[in-house]
Amino acid sequence: MITSTSEEESNQVNSFDNDINGIRLIGTVIGDRENIALISKPDGTTNVYGENEFIYGNIQLLDITHDWISVRLNAEENYDININGQIIPQEGN
């Protein structure tokens, strides 16, 4: 189920029956050599990740842009997570 909220809300806005529901994109840095993302996890920790790194468990960070990231769950399903907290399944899931 995908829902929408105002940009002022900081909570996750989607409901998925998997672990990506607890991930929140805090910010991104786009560099000449690499892109990095600041991501908070369900346990409350916030860390910096690069492309192709595992965030935790079976969640791999695939791509980073200015306002969204792409992640792969269980080496099968890909999702985009934007800076506003929306989680969007990619086509082909």
Protein backbone atom coordinates (compact mmCIF):
# COMPACT_ATOMS: atom_id res chain seq x y z
CA MET A 1 0.00 0.00 0.00
CA ILE A 2 1.42 3.38 -0.98
CA THR A 3 0.14 6.49 0.73
CA SER A 4 1.14 10.12 0.51
CA THR A 5 1.80 12.70 3.19
CA SER A 6 2.96 16.27 3.36
CA GLU A 7 6.68 16.97 3.16
CA GLU A 8 6.67 18.18 6.77
CA GLU A 9 6.02 14.67 8.07
CA SER A 10 9.18 12.76 8.89
CA ASN A 11 7.69 9.28 9.29
CA GLN A 12 7.83 6.53 6.73
CA VAL A 13 4.84 6.89 4.41
CA ASN A 14 4.53 3.40 3.02
CA SER A 15 3.49 0.07 4.44
CA PHE A 16 5.45 -2.95 3.22
CA ASP A 17 5.68 -6.35 4.85
CA ASN A 18 9.49 -6.33 4.73
CA ASP A 19 12.53 -4.69 6.27
CA ILE A 20 12.78 -1.69 3.95
CA ASN A 21 9.88 -0.06 5.78
CA GLY A 22 12.28 1.03 8.52
CA ILE A 23 14.92 2.61 6.27
CA ARG A 24 14.89 6.38 5.90
CA LEU A 25 17.00 8.37 3.47
CA ILE A 26 18.40 11.38 5.31
CA GLY A 27 20.55 12.86 2.54
CA THR A 28 22.87 12.18 -0.35
CA VAL A 29 26.22 13.48 -1.60
CA ILE A 30 26.95 13.22 -5.30
CA GLY A 31 30.69 13.28 -5.97
CA ASP A 32 33.05 13.02 -8.92
CA ARG A 33 34.31 9.60 -7.85
CA GLU A 34 31.48 8.19 -5.77
CA ASN A 35 28.03 8.90 -4.42
CA ILE A 36 27.12 8.36 -0.78
CA ALA A 37 23.86 8.22 1.14
CA LEU A 38 23.11 8.96 4.79
CA ILE A 39 20.55 6.36 5.87
CA SER A 40 18.83 5.76 9.20
CA LYS A 41 17.88 2.20 10.12
CA PRO A 42 15.04 0.82 12.28
CA ASP A 43 17.35 0.47 15.29
CA GLY A 44 17.87 4.25 15.27
CA THR A 45 21.42 4.27 13.96
CA THR A 46 22.40 6.46 11.04
CA ASN A 47 25.30 5.54 8.75
CA VAL A 48 26.92 6.54 5.47
CA TYR A 49 26.75 3.99 2.62
CA GLY A 50 28.12 3.82 -0.91
CA GLU A 51 26.62 2.17 -3.94
CA ASN A 52 26.60 -1.67 -3.88
CA GLU A 53 27.03 -1.82 -0.08
CA PHE A 54 24.67 -3.79 2.15
CA ILE A 55 22.73 -1.55 4.51
CA TYR A 56 21.78 -4.48 6.76
CA GLY A 57 20.44 -7.97 6.36
CA ASN A 58 19.45 -8.61 2.76
CA ILE A 59 19.10 -4.94 1.76
CA GLN A 60 21.67 -3.75 -0.76
CA LEU A 61 22.08 -0.13 -1.85
CA LEU A 62 22.23 -0.12 -5.66
CA ASP A 63 22.10 3.49 -6.85
CA ILE A 64 22.24 6.99 -5.35
CA THR A 65 20.96 10.22 -6.90
CA HIS A 66 20.23 13.71 -5.55
CA ASP A 67 16.93 12.86 -3.90
CA TRP A 68 16.44 9.09 -4.00
CA ILE A 69 18.19 5.74 -3.66
CA SER A 70 17.52 2.33 -5.19
CA VAL A 71 17.76 -0.75 -2.98
CA ARG A 72 17.47 -4.49 -3.60
CA LEU A 73 15.69 -6.68 -1.08
CA ASN A 74 16.56 -10.39 -0.83
CA ALA A 75 18.49 -10.24 -4.13
CA GLU A 76 15.10 -10.20 -5.90
CA GLU A 77 12.99 -7.07 -5.53
CA ASN A 78 14.14 -3.51 -6.27
CA TYR A 79 12.67 -0.37 -4.72
CA ASP A 80 13.27 3.37 -4.94
CA ILE A 81 13.22 5.33 -1.68
CA ASN A 82 12.97 9.10 -2.00
CA ILE A 83 14.07 11.83 0.38
CA ASN A 84 10.44 12.32 1.51
CA GLY A 85 10.21 8.70 2.68
CA GLN A 86 8.16 7.23 -0.14
CA ILE A 87 9.03 3.66 -1.15
CA ILE A 88 8.19 2.82 -4.74
CA PRO A 89 8.53 -0.71 -6.17
CA GLN A 90 10.45 -0.76 -9.44
CA GLU A 91 8.84 -2.33 -12.50
CA GLY A 92 9.42 -6.05 -12.79
CA ASN A 93 9.06 -6.85 -9.06
